[in-house]
């Protein structure tokens, strides 16, 4: 992978991980436009590394929240922080099961199937439009809600379904406060990403050659820096109910992707 391509894809990942337009879908579109010829395993490696970068940017943005949660956990009492952590664990269950039993099938979807990405972007647009029309409340995410949101997160492992869009939209449609929905959405993915990295390191799946390491590092930095900006911006956008703009964007990009895939 070329250095410039890695930086461009890193910026795409950093921005689209938090904006509800599907980071994985845009990465696949970006690879197709830039002419990336990676095999599915190498393509997935780059995707995982960039997701790791945005997980770190999430930690930086929510560092106070995370510190408060950790302090509450170490009190070893049933408190708000303990219950929040329990809900995070519950939300992880669907994605973990999908990752364990359908990993090979998922890898094959990260191989430039642009038409598929286009149709999934249209589904993302529908979710965003519905969530934007929902009334705002003060309700916090409950444990049953966390599992349903987790199912949305598992579905969002498909390229073209926005993870943040699917989880925030699902949470809002369940009647939860929009700001709390965004906070939960961004924090719930952190354990999954670190778990995925640990799994691949232990299994030896992440084989990084000396030739690919420098582009990976640059892509990582680009995703981390742009992710810091996008995460903060997205929280503000959710508060102001601006998701319909992203729904329109997903429709436009989705239609273009479908046409591009058909011509290709």
Foldseek 3Di string as FASTA:
>chain_A
DDLVLLLVLLLLLLQQLQQQFFSLQVSLVSCVVVVPQDQLLVLVLLVLLSVLLLLVLLCVVCVVVVVVLVVVVVVVDPDPSVQLVVLLVLLQVLQVVCCVPPVVVLSVLSRNLLLQLLVLLLVLLVLLVQLLPFDADAAAQHSVLSNVLSNQQNVSSRGNRRQLSSSLSSSSVVPHHNLNSSNSSSVSCSVVSVVVVVVCVVVVSNDDDPVRPVSSVSSSVSSNVSNNVNSVVSSVCSNVSVSNVSSVVSNVSSVVSNVVSVVD
